[in-house]
Amino acid sequence: MQITRQADYAVRAVLYLAEHERTARVTTAEIGREQQIPLTFLAKIVAQLSTAGIIRSTRGSHGGVCLAMPPEEISLLDIVEVIDGPIELNECVADRSLCALGDSCPVRSIWCNAQAELVDRLMRTNFGVLAALHHKADLVLEPA
């Protein structure tokens, strides 16, 4: 399983916003430049995240985007699911009747457990923590 490039870009954009004051507006041009996201991709991502209520977008000369909620309330799972939809390692996880082997399949429980662990990990990882980790990594990388 691999998240889409669009989901990766969305994560980078939200992380960038999480590193700024919550109400500070940042232009999409700045996000695109700093995070190396093509503006065509970013426009679609901003629209999806705005529709989902994760960011607020304002047009005009003083416009831009900002988070609509504290970064601690936004999980990696939220962003991935807004962009890519629900995580599904195998279609049988959501509907066991889709498996030709049914209840006798020895692998279904592995898929179910792996998916549950992944979803749980992404849900527990919020952008407040990620922004703090990124800031700490930047401090470590700077020369003393």
Protein backbone atom coordinates (compact mmCIF):
# COMPACT_ATOMS: atom_id res chain seq x y z
CA MET A 1 0.00 0.00 0.00
CA GLN A 2 1.24 3.45 -0.81
CA ILE A 3 -0.41 6.79 -0.17
CA THR A 4 -0.82 8.97 -3.24
CA ARG A 5 1.51 11.82 -4.06
CA GLN A 6 -1.45 14.13 -3.46
CA ALA A 7 -1.87 12.81 0.10
CA ASP A 8 1.86 13.28 0.71
CA TYR A 9 1.62 16.87 -0.55
CA ALA A 10 -1.42 17.47 1.68
CA VAL A 11 0.49 16.22 4.73
CA ARG A 12 3.40 18.52 3.89
CA ALA A 13 1.06 21.51 3.41
CA VAL A 14 -0.77 20.93 6.71
CA LEU A 15 2.53 20.44 8.54
CA TYR A 16 3.78 23.74 7.10
CA LEU A 17 0.64 25.48 8.35
CA ALA A 18 0.94 23.78 11.75
CA GLU A 19 4.38 25.35 12.14
CA HIS A 20 2.87 28.85 11.84
CA GLU A 21 0.53 30.74 14.13
CA ARG A 22 -2.84 29.08 13.76
CA THR A 23 -4.57 32.23 12.50
CA ALA A 24 -1.65 33.46 10.38
CA ARG A 25 -2.56 33.34 6.72
CA VAL A 26 0.01 31.82 4.39
CA THR A 27 -0.25 32.09 0.63
CA THR A 28 -0.48 28.96 -1.44
CA ALA A 29 2.47 30.26 -3.45
CA GLU A 30 4.59 30.26 -0.27
CA ILE A 31 3.47 26.76 0.70
CA GLY A 32 4.15 25.49 -2.80
CA ARG A 33 7.58 27.07 -2.91
CA GLU A 34 8.67 26.01 0.58
CA GLN A 35 7.27 22.48 0.36
CA GLN A 36 8.06 21.93 -3.33
CA ILE A 37 4.42 21.27 -4.23
CA PRO A 38 3.23 22.16 -7.74
CA LEU A 39 0.54 24.86 -7.51
CA THR A 40 -1.88 22.84 -9.66
CA PHE A 41 -1.76 20.01 -7.11
CA LEU A 42 -1.89 22.45 -4.21
CA ALA A 43 -5.02 24.21 -5.46
CA LYS A 44 -6.92 20.92 -5.51
CA ILE A 45 -5.53 19.92 -2.11
CA VAL A 46 -6.52 23.26 -0.56
CA ALA A 47 -10.04 22.88 -1.93
CA GLN A 48 -10.39 19.38 -0.46
CA LEU A 49 -8.95 20.34 2.93
CA SER A 50 -11.15 23.43 3.04
CA THR A 51 -14.28 21.43 2.22
CA ALA A 52 -13.34 18.99 5.00
CA GLY A 53 -13.02 21.88 7.49
CA ILE A 54 -9.33 21.35 8.16
CA ILE A 55 -8.14 24.63 6.71
CA ARG A 56 -9.70 28.03 6.07
CA SER A 57 -9.08 29.74 2.78
CA THR A 58 -9.50 33.45 2.11
CA ARG A 59 -9.24 35.09 -1.29
CA GLY A 60 -7.96 38.53 -2.09
CA SER A 61 -4.84 40.61 -1.63
CA HIS A 62 -4.63 39.72 2.07
CA GLY A 63 -5.86 36.19 1.55
CA GLY A 64 -4.26 32.87 2.13
CA VAL A 65 -4.84 29.70 4.07
CA CYS A 66 -4.60 28.77 7.74
CA LEU A 67 -5.62 25.85 9.91
CA ALA A 68 -9.28 25.85 10.92
CA MET A 69 -8.52 24.06 14.20
CA PRO A 70 -5.55 23.51 16.49
CA PRO A 71 -2.88 21.24 14.96
CA GLU A 72 -3.25 18.87 17.92
CA GLU A 73 -6.78 18.11 16.70
CA ILE A 74 -5.69 17.12 13.19
CA SER A 75 -4.32 13.62 12.71
CA LEU A 76 -2.36 12.09 9.88
CA LEU A 77 -5.35 9.81 9.36
CA ASP A 78 -7.62 12.84 8.85
CA ILE A 79 -5.46 14.14 6.02
CA VAL A 80 -4.89 10.79 4.30
CA GLU A 81 -8.60 9.99 4.38
CA VAL A 82 -9.64 13.43 3.10
CA ILE A 83 -7.39 12.98 0.09
CA ASP A 84 -7.27 9.22 -0.54
CA GLY A 85 -10.41 7.99 1.21
CA PRO A 86 -10.58 5.32 3.90
CA ILE A 87 -7.56 3.07 4.35
CA GLU A 88 -8.29 -0.41 3.09
CA LEU A 89 -5.46 -2.94 2.85
CA ASN A 90 -7.74 -5.51 1.25
CA GLU A 91 -11.40 -5.35 0.30
CA CYS A 92 -12.16 -8.35 2.54
CA VAL A 93 -11.30 -6.31 5.64
CA ALA A 94 -14.41 -4.20 5.20
CA ASP A 95 -16.58 -7.00 3.79
CA ARG A 96 -15.65 -10.61 4.50
CA SER A 97 -18.23 -11.81 1.96
CA LEU A 98 -15.94 -10.55 -0.82
CA CYS A 99 -13.40 -13.27 -0.03
CA ALA A 100 -13.88 -16.54 -1.88
CA LEU A 101 -12.47 -18.38 1.14
CA GLY A 102 -14.85 -16.67 3.56
CA ASP A 103 -14.30 -17.40 7.24
CA SER A 104 -11.73 -20.09 6.51
CA CYS A 105 -9.21 -17.61 5.07
CA PRO A 106 -6.04 -17.74 7.19
CA VAL A 107 -4.84 -14.31 6.00
CA ARG A 108 -7.91 -12.13 6.60
CA SER A 109 -7.18 -11.70 10.32
CA ILE A 110 -3.66 -10.52 9.44
CA TRP A 111 -5.06 -7.92 7.03
CA CYS A 112 -7.60 -6.80 9.65
CA ASN A 113 -4.99 -6.47 12.40
CA ALA A 114 -2.46 -4.70 10.17
CA GLN A 115 -5.07 -2.23 8.98
CA ALA A 116 -6.29 -1.58 12.52
CA GLU A 117 -2.71 -0.94 13.70
CA LEU A 118 -2.00 1.41 10.80
CA VAL A 119 -5.23 3.35 11.28
CA ASP A 120 -4.59 3.59 15.02
CA ARG A 121 -1.02 4.86 14.50
CA LEU A 122 -2.11 7.49 11.99
CA MET A 123 -5.00 8.56 14.21
CA ARG A 124 -2.69 8.96 17.24
CA THR A 125 -0.18 11.07 15.29
CA ASN A 126 -1.28 14.70 15.25
CA PHE A 127 0.21 17.76 13.59
CA GLY A 128 1.02 19.46 16.89
CA VAL A 129 3.43 16.63 17.67
CA LEU A 130 4.77 16.53 14.12
CA ALA A 131 5.42 20.28 14.08
CA ALA A 132 7.26 20.03 17.43
CA LEU A 133 9.35 17.12 16.16
CA HIS A 134 10.17 18.98 12.96
CA HIS A 135 11.15 22.09 14.92
CA LYS A 136 13.33 20.00 17.25
CA ALA A 137 15.01 18.33 14.25
CA ASP A 138 15.74 21.77 12.78
CA LEU A 139 17.38 22.84 16.05
CA VAL A 140 19.55 19.73 16.10
CA LEU A 141 20.66 20.27 12.49
CA GLU A 142 21.66 23.91 13.03
CA PRO A 143 25.32 24.43 13.90
CA ALA A 144 26.01 25.43 17.49
